[in-house]
């Protein structure tokens, strides 16, 4: 498998997001095939954490590309985005769901409430819990050879016609059709 290079991420989030579908996210011994993502575009996107400009929390979202933006939400869950675009611009793709590929026993131990394997990574918080992605990993370079989280291409192409819909759980920017999916995959998050 080939590690995705920085040039893959150095594009607009709306281009990177559908291209991330079917890629592998690897964290330690665990791997998941990405089946759902959402694009966020900073100052032109009221749903983005970077809409009002950089803050200590969102600074990573402003580049350089190929880094992980991990944030805590609802006082209990971690969510992860991969930073895209040009350095200085706010652009990122939220990892919403993945199909478990490797390390399932470890994922099950981290997500004991999951009744089925398809529930292990079927939402952004579930994905982070299953892969042990938390705030310690905020800002890491996913393109570095020794990165604890990497994005891999195993030759499976993204869908020619990905599912496209509005993003989930937003009030501002909720009308933008920037959620991309592998249509009908059983690992998708609940909408």
Protein backbone atom coordinates (compact mmCIF):
# COMPACT_ATOMS: atom_id res chain seq x y z
CA UNK A 1 0.00 0.00 0.00
CA UNK A 2 1.17 3.49 -0.82
CA UNK A 3 1.03 6.33 1.74
CA UNK A 4 -0.89 9.28 0.32
CA UNK A 5 1.57 12.12 -0.36
CA UNK A 6 1.15 15.71 0.79
CA UNK A 7 0.23 16.70 -2.77
CA UNK A 8 -2.95 14.59 -2.42
CA UNK A 9 -4.08 16.82 0.45
CA UNK A 10 -2.78 20.10 -1.04
CA UNK A 11 -6.06 20.61 -2.91
CA UNK A 12 -9.46 22.05 -2.07
CA UNK A 13 -11.47 20.01 0.46
CA UNK A 14 -14.24 19.57 -2.11
CA UNK A 15 -11.76 17.76 -4.36
CA UNK A 16 -10.02 15.78 -1.62
CA UNK A 17 -13.21 14.58 0.12
CA UNK A 18 -14.63 12.32 -2.63
CA UNK A 19 -11.11 11.12 -3.49
CA UNK A 20 -10.61 9.94 0.12
CA UNK A 21 -13.48 7.48 -0.26
CA UNK A 22 -12.19 3.89 -0.36
CA UNK A 23 -8.74 4.94 0.93
CA UNK A 24 -7.45 3.28 4.10
CA UNK A 25 -6.97 5.17 7.37
CA UNK A 26 -4.38 3.36 9.48
CA UNK A 27 -3.80 3.98 13.18
CA UNK A 28 -1.35 1.54 14.72
CA UNK A 29 -2.56 -2.02 14.06
CA UNK A 30 -6.07 -0.87 13.09
CA UNK A 31 -7.25 0.01 9.60
CA UNK A 32 -10.54 1.17 8.15
CA UNK A 33 -11.66 1.80 4.57
CA UNK A 34 -13.12 5.33 4.44
CA UNK A 35 -16.77 5.26 3.34
CA UNK A 36 -18.05 8.69 4.47
CA UNK A 37 -16.51 12.16 4.72
CA UNK A 38 -17.53 15.83 4.88
CA UNK A 39 -15.72 18.82 3.39
CA UNK A 40 -15.23 22.09 5.30
CA UNK A 41 -13.95 25.30 3.70
CA UNK A 42 -13.09 27.90 6.35
CA UNK A 43 -14.08 31.51 5.86
CA UNK A 44 -16.66 30.78 3.14
CA UNK A 45 -18.27 27.99 5.16
CA UNK A 46 -20.36 28.94 8.23
CA UNK A 47 -20.33 25.26 9.29
CA UNK A 48 -16.52 25.24 9.59
CA UNK A 49 -14.67 25.70 12.87
CA UNK A 50 -12.39 28.07 10.95
CA UNK A 51 -15.18 30.33 9.67
CA UNK A 52 -14.20 33.25 11.92
CA UNK A 53 -10.47 32.82 11.45
CA UNK A 54 -7.77 30.98 13.36
CA UNK A 55 -7.98 30.38 17.10
CA UNK A 56 -5.70 28.30 19.31
CA UNK A 57 -8.15 25.39 18.81
CA UNK A 58 -8.41 25.71 15.01
CA UNK A 59 -4.90 26.83 14.09
CA UNK A 60 -4.06 23.39 12.63
CA UNK A 61 -6.93 23.75 10.10
CA UNK A 62 -5.07 26.64 8.45
CA UNK A 63 -2.28 24.42 7.21
CA UNK A 64 -0.01 23.10 6.10
CA UNK A 65 -1.97 20.31 4.40
CA UNK A 66 -1.53 16.71 5.44
CA UNK A 67 -1.96 17.26 9.17
CA UNK A 68 -4.66 15.96 11.48
CA UNK A 69 -7.10 18.36 13.15
CA UNK A 70 -8.60 16.55 16.15
CA UNK A 71 -11.19 18.23 18.33
CA UNK A 72 -13.39 17.40 21.32
CA UNK A 73 -17.15 17.78 20.89
CA UNK A 74 -20.22 17.55 23.10
CA UNK A 75 -17.91 17.28 26.11
CA UNK A 76 -17.28 13.58 25.42
CA UNK A 77 -16.22 12.70 21.86
CA UNK A 78 -13.17 13.15 19.63
CA UNK A 79 -13.52 13.83 15.90
CA UNK A 80 -10.75 13.93 13.28
CA UNK A 81 -10.24 15.92 10.09
CA UNK A 82 -7.37 15.85 7.64
CA UNK A 83 -6.21 19.34 6.67
CA UNK A 84 -6.31 20.19 2.96
CA UNK A 85 -5.67 23.11 0.65
CA UNK A 86 -2.84 25.61 0.65
CA UNK A 87 -0.92 26.61 3.74
CA UNK A 88 -2.70 29.56 5.35
CA UNK A 89 -6.16 28.62 4.04
CA UNK A 90 -8.69 26.81 6.19
CA UNK A 91 -9.76 23.60 4.49
CA UNK A 92 -10.32 20.15 5.97
CA UNK A 93 -12.17 16.87 5.52
CA UNK A 94 -13.97 15.25 8.44
CA UNK A 95 -13.67 11.48 8.67
CA UNK A 96 -17.27 10.38 9.27
CA UNK A 97 -17.20 6.59 8.83
CA UNK A 98 -15.04 3.66 7.80
CA UNK A 99 -15.44 -0.06 7.16
CA UNK A 100 -13.17 -1.97 9.57
CA UNK A 101 -10.39 -3.79 7.70
CA UNK A 102 -7.69 -4.77 10.21
CA UNK A 103 -7.33 -4.85 13.98
CA UNK A 104 -11.00 -5.65 14.59
CA UNK A 105 -10.38 -7.31 17.96
CA UNK A 106 -8.61 -4.18 19.19
CA UNK A 107 -11.41 -1.99 17.80
CA UNK A 108 -14.00 -4.17 19.59
CA UNK A 109 -12.12 -3.78 22.87
CA UNK A 110 -12.19 0.00 22.46
CA UNK A 111 -15.87 0.01 21.47
CA UNK A 112 -17.50 -2.67 23.64
CA UNK A 113 -20.99 -1.21 23.06
CA UNK A 114 -20.77 -1.96 19.32
CA UNK A 115 -23.00 -4.95 18.69
CA UNK A 116 -21.86 -5.54 15.09
CA UNK A 117 -18.59 -4.91 13.28
CA UNK A 118 -20.36 -2.40 11.03
CA UNK A 119 -21.04 -0.31 14.16
CA UNK A 120 -17.35 -0.01 15.09
CA UNK A 121 -16.56 3.04 12.89
CA UNK A 122 -20.04 4.17 11.74
CA UNK A 123 -19.74 7.79 12.86
CA UNK A 124 -16.96 10.32 13.45
CA UNK A 125 -16.72 9.75 17.22
CA UNK A 126 -17.00 5.97 16.86
CA UNK A 127 -14.24 5.99 14.23
CA UNK A 128 -11.94 7.97 16.51
CA UNK A 129 -12.68 5.71 19.48
CA UNK A 130 -12.10 2.52 17.46
CA UNK A 131 -8.80 3.86 16.06
CA UNK A 132 -7.71 5.49 19.37
CA UNK A 133 -7.52 8.94 17.79
CA UNK A 134 -7.71 11.67 20.43
CA UNK A 135 -6.41 15.14 21.20
CA UNK A 136 -2.84 13.93 21.65
CA UNK A 137 -2.78 13.42 17.87
CA UNK A 138 -3.99 16.94 17.03
CA UNK A 139 -1.56 18.48 14.56
CA UNK A 140 0.38 15.34 13.62
CA UNK A 141 1.76 15.10 10.11
CA UNK A 142 -0.02 12.14 8.46
CA UNK A 143 2.48 12.23 5.58
CA UNK A 144 5.51 11.61 7.82
CA UNK A 145 7.04 8.13 7.60
CA UNK A 146 6.70 7.58 11.36
CA UNK A 147 3.20 9.07 11.73
CA UNK A 148 0.88 7.19 14.12
CA UNK A 149 -1.99 7.85 11.67
CA UNK A 150 -1.57 7.44 7.92
CA UNK A 151 -3.77 7.43 4.84
CA UNK A 152 -3.05 4.63 2.38
CA UNK A 153 -3.99 3.77 -1.19
CA UNK A 154 -4.34 0.05 -1.81
CA UNK A 155 -5.53 0.48 -5.38
CA UNK A 156 -9.29 0.51 -4.70
CA UNK A 157 -10.65 3.48 -6.65
CA UNK A 158 -13.15 5.92 -5.17
CA UNK A 159 -16.68 5.47 -6.50
CA UNK A 160 -17.32 6.98 -9.94
CA UNK A 161 -20.59 8.40 -8.62
CA UNK A 162 -20.26 8.93 -4.85
CA UNK A 163 -23.30 9.66 -2.74
CA UNK A 164 -23.57 13.39 -2.13
CA UNK A 165 -25.80 15.09 0.45
CA UNK A 166 -25.87 17.81 3.06
CA UNK A 167 -23.63 17.55 6.08
CA UNK A 168 -24.95 16.11 9.34
CA UNK A 169 -25.51 17.84 12.66
CA UNK A 170 -25.00 21.45 11.56
CA UNK A 171 -27.17 24.50 11.94
CA UNK A 172 -25.01 26.98 9.98
CA UNK A 173 -24.03 25.79 6.51
CA UNK A 174 -26.41 22.83 6.77
CA UNK A 175 -27.67 23.36 3.22
CA UNK A 176 -24.29 22.74 1.55
CA UNK A 177 -24.10 19.32 -0.19
CA UNK A 178 -20.58 18.56 1.01
CA UNK A 179 -21.05 15.08 2.51
CA UNK A 180 -19.69 12.29 0.31
CA UNK A 181 -20.33 8.57 0.76
CA UNK A 182 -19.80 5.15 -0.72
CA UNK A 183 -23.51 4.79 -1.46
CA UNK A 184 -25.37 2.09 0.49
CA UNK A 185 -22.30 0.96 2.41
CA UNK A 186 -23.48 -0.71 5.66
CA UNK A 187 -20.82 1.17 7.69
CA UNK A 188 -22.23 4.66 7.02
CA UNK A 189 -23.19 6.82 9.99
CA UNK A 190 -26.82 7.45 10.77
CA UNK A 191 -28.07 10.56 9.01
